[in-house]
Amino acid sequence: MGRINRIFLVLLCAFSLMGASLPATKPEDVGLSSERLQRIHAMVLHHMDLGEITGAVVLVARKGQVAYVDVQGTIDAETKKPMTRDSLFRMASMTKPVIGTAMMMMLEEGKIQLGDPVSKYIPEFKDMKVAILQTPGGPGRGDPPKFYTVPAERPITIKDLMTHTSGLSSGPMGQSEAAKVRRQPTETLADYIPRLGSTPLEFQPGTRWMYSPSDGFDVLARIVEIASGMPLNVFLKQRIFDPLDMPETSHYPTDAQMPRLVTAYQKTDKGLVKTQNSLSMSSKVYFAGGGGLISTVDDYSHFAQMLANGGELYGRRLLSPRTVKLMSSVHIPYTLPGRTPGEGFGLSVRVMQDAVFGNHRVSDGSFGWSGAYGTHFWVDPKEELVAVMMIQTPIREMRPEFENAVMQAIVK
């Protein structure tokens, strides 16, 4: 190989390892108003002035091009280190749509079916029980609830887990029992997940919607490992993160990344208080499906844009358009007990079913999710729009405010 060719190969390899952004454009070129987009900046600044967040990074893309990025504030209230576009955020439950995508890839490859019982992959989930409440827990749930169990009327399925209708670790009864078998720091998905099969479900499978914060999607993460024959972190890197150019995304920040990790806070009457053990969802050995990923606004926008494009980005197809449509369809209507007015639920994502009924600003058919530390994203297929908000304080009212600020900027 000639010297020039060797240099070109080194440069090409180096470029492939570098993070990039989606193509940028002027807002007006994709039907957005530059002036109106500034209301996003004002909304973020307002919450900074209230002392609710130290800063934020937000991104809006339309028609596959980034039309607006805003970086404000600091990554830490004490050091005042400036927020940057490549600041790292704990994604928490925004990990779930990534796992959902992995499951849909396994579905396309014929390695799973949505109606498969979980016990097909993890035998310990056979013959599960359902908890029937006798007395609730004590004040502040210091005392666990008292209950008895009855047999589950049917097995829980992959679809039940993906739609939060399984009842697994969804409420105080199941969670109190799950706490008794909780994983140890050195354990993997393979070590811990089978033990969950001994815990009772909160309700009969499929009868209601109740969020499973971690365990439900951790089980799905284990099924990805079993179906693919790969550890989850390897699968995600090789099959999702590398193809989508998401080099900053993983289950644990590297030493080099740590200085860019935004400090997580809780809002209190005395101001912002640092969240203790804020990397508890992340691990170097336990690759959770319900949370745990860390990422940047650009990395996650690549994932969201892939979904907006019908499963493809940069010429690399992860899913077919029909599969993305299946993932983002309403599988659980908002009329099912437990759901939010107007919001149905798809396979790992909320789906806007009736925005007018629910007083939401996003289009019907929009889909996405949020994270416990404040992150939020959605994809709007009708408007060909992707929006990502990165903060690290759980200020719930910022989600609809961000949605409103984005949607009112659409002028064409």
Protein backbone atom coordinates (compact mmCIF):
# COMPACT_ATOMS: atom_id res chain seq x y z
CA MET A 1 0.00 0.00 0.00
CA GLY A 2 1.37 3.40 -0.96
CA ARG A 3 2.11 6.10 1.59
CA ILE A 4 -0.72 8.36 0.37
CA ASN A 5 -3.19 5.48 0.49
CA ARG A 6 -2.09 4.62 4.02
CA ILE A 7 -2.56 8.24 5.13
CA PHE A 8 -6.00 8.33 3.50
CA LEU A 9 -6.98 5.10 5.26
CA VAL A 10 -5.85 6.45 8.64
CA LEU A 11 -7.81 9.66 8.10
CA LEU A 12 -10.87 7.73 6.98
CA CYS A 13 -10.74 5.51 10.08
CA ALA A 14 -10.22 8.53 12.32
CA PHE A 15 -13.20 10.31 10.77
CA SER A 16 -15.38 7.25 11.26
CA LEU A 17 -14.67 7.37 15.00
CA MET A 18 -15.56 11.03 15.36
CA GLY A 19 -19.03 12.20 16.29
CA ALA A 20 -20.81 14.39 13.79
CA SER A 21 -24.01 16.37 13.49
CA LEU A 22 -26.92 16.11 11.13
CA PRO A 23 -26.66 18.61 8.23
CA ALA A 24 -27.45 22.17 9.31
CA THR A 25 -29.75 24.60 7.54
CA LYS A 26 -31.43 27.97 8.00
CA PRO A 27 -34.77 27.64 9.80
CA GLU A 28 -36.64 29.40 7.01
CA ASP A 29 -35.37 26.87 4.47
CA VAL A 30 -37.35 24.14 6.25
CA GLY A 31 -40.43 26.15 7.14
CA LEU A 32 -39.43 27.36 10.59
CA SER A 33 -39.27 30.93 11.87
CA SER A 34 -35.91 32.05 13.26
CA GLU A 35 -37.65 34.70 15.33
CA ARG A 36 -40.15 32.27 16.81
CA LEU A 37 -37.48 29.68 17.58
CA GLN A 38 -35.99 32.18 20.01
CA ARG A 39 -38.96 31.47 22.26
CA ILE A 40 -37.27 28.15 23.03
CA HIS A 41 -34.26 30.10 24.30
CA ALA A 42 -36.54 32.32 26.40
CA MET A 43 -38.32 29.28 27.86
CA VAL A 44 -35.04 27.68 28.94
CA LEU A 45 -33.72 30.97 30.32
CA HIS A 46 -36.90 31.41 32.33
CA HIS A 47 -36.35 28.10 34.12
CA MET A 48 -32.70 28.95 34.69
CA ASP A 49 -33.76 32.26 36.25
CA LEU A 50 -36.15 30.36 38.50
CA GLY A 51 -33.20 28.31 39.70
CA GLU A 52 -34.73 25.06 38.46
CA ILE A 53 -31.98 24.05 36.03
CA THR A 54 -28.34 25.03 35.61
CA GLY A 55 -28.54 24.90 31.84
CA ALA A 56 -29.77 23.01 28.81
CA VAL A 57 -28.96 21.88 25.29
CA VAL A 58 -31.84 21.70 22.82
CA LEU A 59 -31.98 20.71 19.16
CA VAL A 60 -34.69 20.98 16.51
CA ALA A 61 -34.38 19.34 13.11
CA ARG A 62 -36.81 19.36 10.21
CA LYS A 63 -36.68 17.46 6.94
CA GLY A 64 -33.50 15.78 8.15
CA GLN A 65 -31.59 19.02 8.81
CA VAL A 66 -30.75 20.77 12.06
CA ALA A 67 -32.46 24.14 12.06
CA TYR A 68 -31.90 25.17 15.67
CA VAL A 69 -29.47 24.35 18.48
CA ASP A 70 -29.36 26.28 21.72
CA VAL A 71 -26.75 25.82 24.45
CA GLN A 72 -27.25 27.71 27.71
CA GLY A 73 -25.97 27.80 31.25
CA THR A 74 -23.47 25.59 33.06
CA ILE A 75 -22.97 21.90 33.64
CA ASP A 76 -22.49 22.47 37.37
CA ALA A 77 -23.83 25.14 39.71
CA GLU A 78 -20.67 25.28 41.80
CA THR A 79 -17.91 25.22 39.22
CA LYS A 80 -19.88 27.29 36.68
CA LYS A 81 -18.27 25.28 33.91
CA PRO A 82 -20.07 26.29 30.71
CA MET A 83 -22.54 23.97 29.08
CA THR A 84 -21.35 22.85 25.63
CA ARG A 85 -23.01 21.18 22.69
CA ASP A 86 -21.14 17.96 23.47
CA SER A 87 -22.07 17.91 27.16
CA LEU A 88 -23.14 14.46 28.34
CA PHE A 89 -26.50 13.68 29.90
CA ARG A 90 -28.01 10.73 31.72
CA MET A 91 -30.76 9.55 29.41
CA ALA A 92 -32.57 7.42 32.04
CA SER A 93 -35.79 6.15 30.45
CA MET A 94 -34.89 7.53 27.04
CA THR A 95 -32.85 4.32 26.99
CA LYS A 96 -36.14 2.44 26.50
CA PRO A 97 -36.80 3.45 22.86
CA VAL A 98 -33.25 2.30 22.03
CA ILE A 99 -34.05 -1.11 23.53
CA GLY A 100 -37.36 -1.02 21.71
CA THR A 101 -35.48 -0.51 18.45
CA ALA A 102 -33.20 -3.45 19.26
CA MET A 103 -36.26 -5.61 19.87
CA MET A 104 -37.77 -4.55 16.54
CA MET A 105 -34.52 -5.51 14.83
CA MET A 106 -34.79 -8.95 16.40
CA LEU A 107 -38.42 -9.10 15.24
CA GLU A 108 -37.40 -8.31 11.66
CA GLU A 109 -34.76 -11.04 11.76
CA GLY A 110 -37.33 -13.60 12.90
CA LYS A 111 -35.60 -14.16 16.24
CA ILE A 112 -38.59 -13.08 18.35
CA GLN A 113 -42.33 -12.53 17.98
CA LEU A 114 -44.28 -9.87 19.85
CA GLY A 115 -46.67 -12.48 21.20
CA ASP A 116 -43.92 -14.75 22.50
CA PRO A 117 -44.18 -15.55 26.21
CA VAL A 118 -41.18 -14.21 28.11
CA SER A 119 -40.75 -17.72 29.48
CA LYS A 120 -39.79 -18.91 26.00
CA TYR A 121 -36.47 -17.11 26.53
CA ILE A 122 -36.28 -17.03 30.33
CA PRO A 123 -37.93 -20.17 31.78
CA GLU A 124 -38.17 -18.67 35.27
CA PHE A 125 -41.04 -16.49 34.02
CA LYS A 126 -43.35 -19.46 33.59
CA ASP A 127 -46.43 -19.75 35.86
CA MET A 128 -46.20 -16.26 37.32
CA LYS A 129 -48.46 -15.00 40.10
CA VAL A 130 -50.56 -11.84 40.40
CA ALA A 131 -50.71 -9.88 43.65
CA ILE A 132 -54.11 -9.02 45.16
CA LEU A 133 -53.92 -6.15 47.64
CA GLN A 134 -55.13 -6.68 51.20
CA THR A 135 -53.75 -3.60 52.96
CA PRO A 136 -51.61 -0.80 51.50
CA GLY A 137 -48.21 0.10 52.88
CA GLY A 138 -47.72 2.41 55.81
CA PRO A 139 -47.05 6.18 55.73
CA GLY A 140 -44.47 6.97 53.12
CA ARG A 141 -44.61 3.27 52.28
CA GLY A 142 -42.21 2.54 55.09
CA ASP A 143 -44.18 -0.66 55.57
CA PRO A 144 -44.67 -2.85 52.51
CA PRO A 145 -48.22 -3.56 51.34
CA LYS A 146 -49.85 -6.83 52.35
CA PHE A 147 -51.26 -9.04 49.63
CA TYR A 148 -51.96 -12.57 48.54
CA THR A 149 -51.39 -14.05 45.08
CA VAL A 150 -53.41 -15.83 42.44
CA PRO A 151 -52.22 -17.46 39.22
CA ALA A 152 -51.74 -15.22 36.21
CA GLU A 153 -54.51 -15.82 33.67
CA ARG A 154 -51.94 -15.94 30.88
CA PRO A 155 -48.17 -15.59 30.51
CA ILE A 156 -46.65 -12.15 30.12
CA THR A 157 -45.41 -11.54 26.58
CA ILE A 158 -42.75 -9.46 24.89
CA LYS A 159 -45.46 -7.06 23.77
CA ASP A 160 -46.74 -6.71 27.34
CA LEU A 161 -43.26 -5.60 28.42
CA MET A 162 -42.84 -3.21 25.49
CA THR A 163 -46.20 -1.55 26.20
CA HIS A 164 -46.02 -1.49 30.03
CA THR A 165 -49.06 -3.74 30.37
CA SER A 166 -47.28 -6.73 31.97
CA GLY A 167 -47.59 -5.65 35.62
CA LEU A 168 -43.95 -6.61 36.24
CA SER A 169 -42.40 -4.34 38.92
CA SER A 170 -45.05 -1.76 38.06
CA GLY A 171 -46.30 -0.89 41.53
CA PRO A 172 -45.77 -1.24 45.27
CA MET A 173 -46.63 -4.92 45.57
CA GLY A 174 -44.37 -6.22 42.83
CA GLN A 175 -41.64 -3.72 43.61
CA SER A 176 -41.60 -4.67 47.29
CA GLU A 177 -40.91 -8.27 46.30
CA ALA A 178 -38.42 -7.28 43.60
CA ALA A 179 -36.49 -5.40 46.28
CA LYS A 180 -35.91 -8.70 48.06
CA VAL A 181 -34.09 -10.16 45.06
CA ARG A 182 -32.43 -6.92 43.92
CA ARG A 183 -29.24 -7.32 41.94
CA GLN A 184 -25.78 -6.92 43.39
CA PRO A 185 -23.31 -4.44 41.84
CA THR A 186 -21.25 -7.15 40.15
CA GLU A 187 -24.20 -9.00 38.63
CA THR A 188 -25.13 -9.01 34.95
CA LEU A 189 -28.51 -9.18 33.24
CA ALA A 190 -28.08 -12.96 33.02
CA ASP A 191 -27.50 -13.15 36.79
CA TYR A 192 -30.38 -10.95 37.93
CA ILE A 193 -33.25 -11.13 35.44
CA PRO A 194 -34.27 -14.78 36.09
CA ARG A 195 -34.95 -13.91 39.74
CA LEU A 196 -37.67 -11.47 38.69
CA GLY A 197 -39.74 -14.42 37.56
CA SER A 198 -40.46 -15.16 41.22
CA THR A 199 -42.00 -11.73 41.87
CA PRO A 200 -45.76 -11.15 41.62
CA LEU A 201 -47.33 -9.04 38.91
CA GLU A 202 -49.25 -5.92 39.93
CA PHE A 203 -52.31 -6.92 37.88
CA GLN A 204 -53.45 -9.50 35.37
CA PRO A 205 -51.39 -9.09 32.16
CA GLY A 206 -52.88 -6.74 29.60
CA THR A 207 -55.67 -5.36 31.79
CA ARG A 208 -54.18 -1.92 32.39
CA TRP A 209 -51.21 0.35 31.69
CA MET A 210 -48.78 0.84 34.55
CA TYR A 211 -45.22 1.98 34.03
CA SER A 212 -42.42 -0.45 34.79
CA PRO A 213 -39.57 2.01 35.50
CA SER A 214 -36.67 -0.41 35.12
CA ASP A 215 -37.27 -4.14 35.41
CA GLY A 216 -39.65 -4.53 32.48
CA PHE A 217 -37.18 -3.21 29.94
CA ASP A 218 -34.26 -4.85 31.70
CA VAL A 219 -35.99 -8.15 30.88
CA LEU A 220 -36.25 -7.03 27.24
CA ALA A 221 -32.54 -6.17 27.31
CA ARG A 222 -31.81 -9.74 28.42
CA ILE A 223 -33.99 -11.10 25.62
CA VAL A 224 -31.96 -9.03 23.13
CA GLU A 225 -28.85 -10.74 24.49
CA ILE A 226 -30.40 -14.19 24.18
CA ALA A 227 -31.89 -13.63 20.72
CA SER A 228 -28.78 -11.97 19.27
CA GLY A 229 -26.17 -14.08 21.05
CA MET A 230 -24.32 -10.90 22.05
CA PRO A 231 -23.91 -8.93 25.31
CA LEU A 232 -26.25 -5.94 25.18
CA ASN A 233 -23.47 -3.33 25.19
CA VAL A 234 -21.80 -5.04 22.24
CA PHE A 235 -25.08 -5.34 20.34
CA LEU A 236 -25.97 -1.68 20.87
CA LYS A 237 -22.54 -0.48 19.79
CA GLN A 238 -22.23 -2.68 16.73
CA ARG A 239 -25.82 -2.64 15.54
CA ILE A 240 -27.10 0.82 16.56
CA PHE A 241 -24.51 3.28 17.86
CA ASP A 242 -21.75 2.72 15.30
CA PRO A 243 -24.07 2.71 12.25
CA LEU A 244 -25.81 5.88 13.46
CA ASP A 245 -22.54 7.66 14.35
CA MET A 246 -23.23 7.82 18.09
CA PRO A 247 -19.71 7.47 19.56
CA GLU A 248 -20.57 9.34 22.78
CA THR A 249 -23.40 6.98 23.76
CA SER A 250 -22.87 4.07 26.14
CA HIS A 251 -23.90 2.64 29.49
CA TYR A 252 -21.09 4.36 31.38
CA PRO A 253 -18.99 7.46 30.70
CA THR A 254 -15.32 6.98 30.04
CA ASP A 255 -12.71 8.81 32.09
CA ALA A 256 -12.28 11.20 29.16
CA GLN A 257 -16.01 11.88 29.03
CA MET A 258 -16.55 12.38 32.74
CA PRO A 259 -15.60 16.09 32.79
CA ARG A 260 -18.40 16.74 30.28
CA LEU A 261 -21.07 14.93 32.32
CA VAL A 262 -23.70 17.42 33.48
CA THR A 263 -24.39 17.38 37.21
CA ALA A 264 -27.82 16.02 38.10
CA TYR A 265 -29.98 17.98 40.54
CA GLN A 266 -33.28 17.78 42.37
CA LYS A 267 -35.39 20.89 42.87
CA THR A 268 -36.16 21.55 46.55
CA ASP A 269 -37.58 24.38 48.63
CA LYS A 270 -33.97 25.33 49.39
CA GLY A 271 -32.92 25.35 45.75
CA LEU A 272 -31.10 22.78 43.66
CA VAL A 273 -29.58 19.85 45.51
CA LYS A 274 -27.19 17.44 43.82
CA THR A 275 -28.68 14.04 43.14
CA GLN A 276 -26.87 11.40 45.17
CA ASN A 277 -25.51 8.39 43.32
CA SER A 278 -26.63 9.95 40.04
CA LEU A 279 -24.99 7.22 37.97
CA SER A 280 -26.91 4.47 39.74
CA MET A 281 -28.67 3.48 36.52
CA SER A 282 -25.37 3.16 34.67
CA SER A 283 -22.91 0.29 35.03
CA LYS A 284 -19.88 -1.28 33.43
CA VAL A 285 -21.32 -4.79 33.89
CA TYR A 286 -25.12 -4.45 34.12
CA PHE A 287 -26.41 -3.05 30.84
CA ALA A 288 -29.90 -1.96 31.78
CA GLY A 289 -32.73 -1.59 29.32
CA GLY A 290 -34.93 0.64 31.46
CA GLY A 291 -32.26 3.32 31.88
CA GLY A 292 -28.53 3.80 32.08
CA LEU A 293 -27.44 5.26 28.75
CA ILE A 294 -25.49 8.50 28.65
CA SER A 295 -25.48 10.55 25.46
CA THR A 296 -25.21 13.97 23.82
CA VAL A 297 -27.83 15.99 22.00
CA ASP A 298 -26.25 15.22 18.62
CA ASP A 299 -25.88 11.49 19.27
CA TYR A 300 -29.48 11.11 20.37
CA SER A 301 -30.74 13.26 17.51
CA HIS A 302 -29.15 10.73 15.14
CA PHE A 303 -31.21 7.97 16.76
CA ALA A 304 -34.38 10.08 16.58
CA GLN A 305 -33.71 11.06 12.97
CA MET A 306 -33.29 7.41 12.02
CA LEU A 307 -36.81 6.80 13.31
CA ALA A 308 -38.10 9.90 11.53
CA ASN A 309 -36.55 8.60 8.30
CA GLY A 310 -38.38 5.30 8.61
CA GLY A 311 -35.45 3.32 9.99
CA GLU A 312 -32.46 4.65 8.01
CA LEU A 313 -29.73 7.24 8.44
CA TYR A 314 -26.47 7.88 6.56
CA GLY A 315 -27.38 5.11 4.12
CA ARG A 316 -27.50 2.56 6.94
CA ARG A 317 -30.86 0.92 7.49
CA LEU A 318 -31.67 -0.45 10.93
CA LEU A 319 -35.39 -1.02 10.39
CA SER A 320 -37.87 -1.03 7.53
CA PRO A 321 -40.43 1.81 7.31
CA ARG A 322 -43.25 -0.64 8.06
CA THR A 323 -41.49 -1.77 11.23
CA VAL A 324 -41.02 1.81 12.44
CA LYS A 325 -44.71 2.38 11.72
CA LEU A 326 -45.55 -0.70 13.80
CA MET A 327 -43.33 0.52 16.63
CA SER A 328 -44.93 4.00 16.61
CA SER A 329 -48.56 2.89 16.21
CA VAL A 330 -51.07 3.01 19.04
CA HIS A 331 -51.02 -0.44 20.64
CA ILE A 332 -52.46 0.76 23.95
CA PRO A 333 -55.18 3.43 23.60
CA TYR A 334 -55.37 6.29 26.05
CA THR A 335 -58.73 4.90 27.16
CA LEU A 336 -57.02 1.97 28.90
CA PRO A 337 -56.80 2.59 32.66
CA GLY A 338 -53.50 4.20 33.60
CA ARG A 339 -52.82 6.15 30.41
CA THR A 340 -52.58 9.93 30.04
CA PRO A 341 -55.50 11.69 28.28
CA GLY A 342 -54.88 11.82 24.55
CA GLU A 343 -51.67 9.76 24.73
CA GLY A 344 -51.68 6.19 23.53
CA PHE A 345 -48.67 3.95 23.84
CA GLY A 346 -46.72 2.10 21.19
CA LEU A 347 -43.83 -0.33 21.42
CA SER A 348 -41.48 1.47 23.86
CA VAL A 349 -42.73 4.99 23.00
CA ARG A 350 -45.69 7.18 23.81
CA VAL A 351 -47.80 7.93 20.74
CA MET A 352 -50.01 11.00 20.47
CA GLN A 353 -53.45 9.59 19.71
CA ASP A 354 -55.69 12.63 20.19
CA ALA A 355 -53.75 15.83 20.84
CA VAL A 356 -56.87 18.01 20.93
CA PHE A 357 -58.54 15.83 23.56
CA GLY A 358 -55.38 15.78 25.69
CA ASN A 359 -54.57 19.49 25.22
CA HIS A 360 -51.22 18.67 23.67
CA ARG A 361 -49.40 20.74 21.06
CA VAL A 362 -47.66 18.01 19.05
CA SER A 363 -49.28 16.39 16.03
CA ASP A 364 -51.32 13.23 16.24
CA GLY A 365 -48.97 10.36 15.44
CA SER A 366 -45.97 12.00 17.11
CA PHE A 367 -43.99 9.62 19.27
CA GLY A 368 -41.11 9.71 21.76
CA TRP A 369 -40.36 9.53 25.47
CA SER A 370 -38.69 11.28 28.41
CA GLY A 371 -36.13 10.55 31.12
CA ALA A 372 -36.20 10.84 34.91
CA TYR A 373 -33.42 13.44 34.89
CA GLY A 374 -35.38 15.78 32.60
CA THR A 375 -34.47 14.74 29.05
CA HIS A 376 -37.27 14.69 26.46
CA PHE A 377 -37.64 13.96 22.75
CA TRP A 378 -40.22 13.33 20.10
CA VAL A 379 -40.51 12.57 16.41
CA ASP A 380 -43.31 14.16 14.39
CA PRO A 381 -43.77 12.24 11.12
CA LYS A 382 -46.38 14.66 9.75
CA GLU A 383 -44.14 17.68 10.17
CA GLU A 384 -40.92 15.73 9.43
CA LEU A 385 -39.60 17.07 12.72
CA VAL A 386 -37.28 15.85 15.47
CA ALA A 387 -36.81 17.70 18.76
CA VAL A 388 -34.51 16.85 21.68
CA MET A 389 -34.23 18.63 25.04
CA MET A 390 -31.37 17.83 27.41
CA ILE A 391 -31.56 18.94 31.04
CA GLN A 392 -30.61 17.20 34.30
CA THR A 393 -33.30 18.31 36.72
CA PRO A 394 -36.74 16.67 36.44
CA ILE A 395 -38.86 19.73 35.68
CA ARG A 396 -41.91 18.09 34.08
CA GLU A 397 -43.58 21.32 33.00
CA MET A 398 -40.67 21.99 30.64
CA ARG A 399 -41.78 19.12 28.40
CA PRO A 400 -45.07 20.65 27.18
CA GLU A 401 -43.49 24.10 27.20
CA PHE A 402 -40.70 22.85 24.91
CA GLU A 403 -43.25 21.16 22.65
CA ASN A 404 -45.29 24.35 22.41
CA ALA A 405 -42.21 26.49 21.71
CA VAL A 406 -41.15 24.17 18.89
CA MET A 407 -44.57 23.73 17.30
CA GLN A 408 -45.40 27.45 17.25
CA ALA A 409 -42.22 28.04 15.24
CA ILE A 410 -43.56 25.99 12.31
CA VAL A 411 -44.81 28.53 9.75
CA LYS A 412 -44.88 26.49 6.54
